[in-house]
Protein backbone atom coordinates (compact mmCIF):
# COMPACT_ATOMS: atom_id res chain seq x y z
CA UNK A 1 0.00 0.00 0.00
CA UNK A 2 1.41 3.36 -1.02
CA UNK A 3 1.29 6.13 1.56
CA UNK A 4 0.86 9.69 0.30
CA UNK A 5 1.18 12.96 2.11
CA UNK A 6 -0.63 16.20 1.42
CA UNK A 7 0.03 19.65 2.77
CA UNK A 8 -3.40 21.26 2.84
CA UNK A 9 -4.66 24.75 3.63
CA UNK A 10 -8.33 25.69 3.85
CA UNK A 11 -9.32 29.34 3.59
CA UNK A 12 -12.92 30.16 4.58
CA UNK A 13 -14.22 33.24 2.72
CA UNK A 14 -16.92 35.68 3.84
CA UNK A 15 -17.61 33.70 7.04
CA UNK A 16 -18.01 35.09 10.55
CA UNK A 17 -15.73 32.41 12.02
CA UNK A 18 -12.52 31.10 10.51
CA UNK A 19 -11.73 28.47 13.13
CA UNK A 20 -15.10 26.69 12.99
CA UNK A 21 -14.93 25.66 9.29
CA UNK A 22 -11.27 24.70 9.64
CA UNK A 23 -11.91 22.62 12.78
CA UNK A 24 -14.81 20.86 11.02
CA UNK A 25 -12.60 20.22 7.99
CA UNK A 26 -9.95 18.59 10.22
CA UNK A 27 -12.55 16.47 12.03
CA UNK A 28 -13.80 15.08 8.70
CA UNK A 29 -10.24 14.14 7.72
CA UNK A 30 -9.64 12.54 11.11
CA UNK A 31 -12.92 10.58 10.91
CA UNK A 32 -11.65 9.01 7.66
CA UNK A 33 -8.76 7.36 9.51
CA UNK A 34 -6.14 9.68 8.06
CA UNK A 35 -3.17 10.89 10.05
CA UNK A 36 -3.78 14.61 10.54
CA UNK A 37 -1.02 16.95 11.78
CA UNK A 38 -2.36 20.51 12.05
CA UNK A 39 0.05 23.42 11.79
CA UNK A 40 -0.22 27.19 12.03
CA UNK A 41 -0.83 27.78 8.31
CA UNK A 42 -1.38 24.31 6.84
CA UNK A 43 -2.04 20.72 7.81
CA UNK A 44 -0.08 17.62 6.89
CA UNK A 45 -2.34 14.69 6.07
CA UNK A 46 -1.06 11.15 5.50
CA UNK A 47 -2.84 8.04 4.28
CA UNK A 48 -3.27 5.58 1.48
CA UNK A 49 -3.90 7.05 -1.96
CA UNK A 50 -7.61 6.22 -1.96
CA UNK A 51 -8.23 7.26 1.66
CA UNK A 52 -6.35 10.54 1.23
CA UNK A 53 -8.15 11.67 -1.92
CA UNK A 54 -11.56 10.48 -0.67
CA UNK A 55 -11.03 12.18 2.69
CA UNK A 56 -9.99 15.47 1.12
CA UNK A 57 -12.95 15.34 -1.27
CA UNK A 58 -15.37 14.75 1.60
CA UNK A 59 -13.80 17.39 3.83
CA UNK A 60 -13.83 19.97 1.05
CA UNK A 61 -17.45 19.20 0.16
CA UNK A 62 -18.49 19.53 3.81
CA UNK A 63 -16.77 22.92 4.03
CA UNK A 64 -18.14 24.10 0.66
CA UNK A 65 -21.70 23.11 1.62
CA UNK A 66 -21.49 25.54 4.56
CA UNK A 67 -19.89 28.55 2.85
CA UNK A 68 -17.32 29.78 0.39
CA UNK A 69 -13.84 28.28 0.77
CA UNK A 70 -10.54 27.92 -1.03
CA UNK A 71 -8.46 24.78 -0.54
CA UNK A 72 -4.82 24.50 -1.57
CA UNK A 73 -3.07 21.12 -1.53
CA UNK A 74 0.35 19.79 -2.43
CA UNK A 75 0.70 16.01 -2.77
CA UNK A 76 3.75 13.80 -2.51
CA UNK A 77 4.61 10.12 -2.57
CA UNK A 78 8.20 10.96 -1.62
CA UNK A 79 7.63 13.00 1.55
CA UNK A 80 5.57 10.57 3.63
CA UNK A 81 6.94 11.46 7.05
CA UNK A 82 7.30 8.45 9.28
CA UNK A 83 7.50 5.93 6.46
CA UNK A 84 10.79 4.14 5.80
CA UNK A 85 12.55 4.94 2.55
CA UNK A 86 12.58 2.10 -0.03
């Protein structure tokens, strides 16, 4: 099983609270069994290819259903922190 990492930032637009949509976004990722490492400006998310893309799709859709958002993501199969190198 290949493990991918994604550095993800969610930017809520025109919303009264910034932390609420971001916290909800992170909870959706966590509920998908992904490893979620929040940071000050972005979050590192690790998981299998299918779980990672499905989790990000679901988390984005949940955020988008509640207001305007921008999501930026960078993906890597070479920077999976915690995984041994081949």
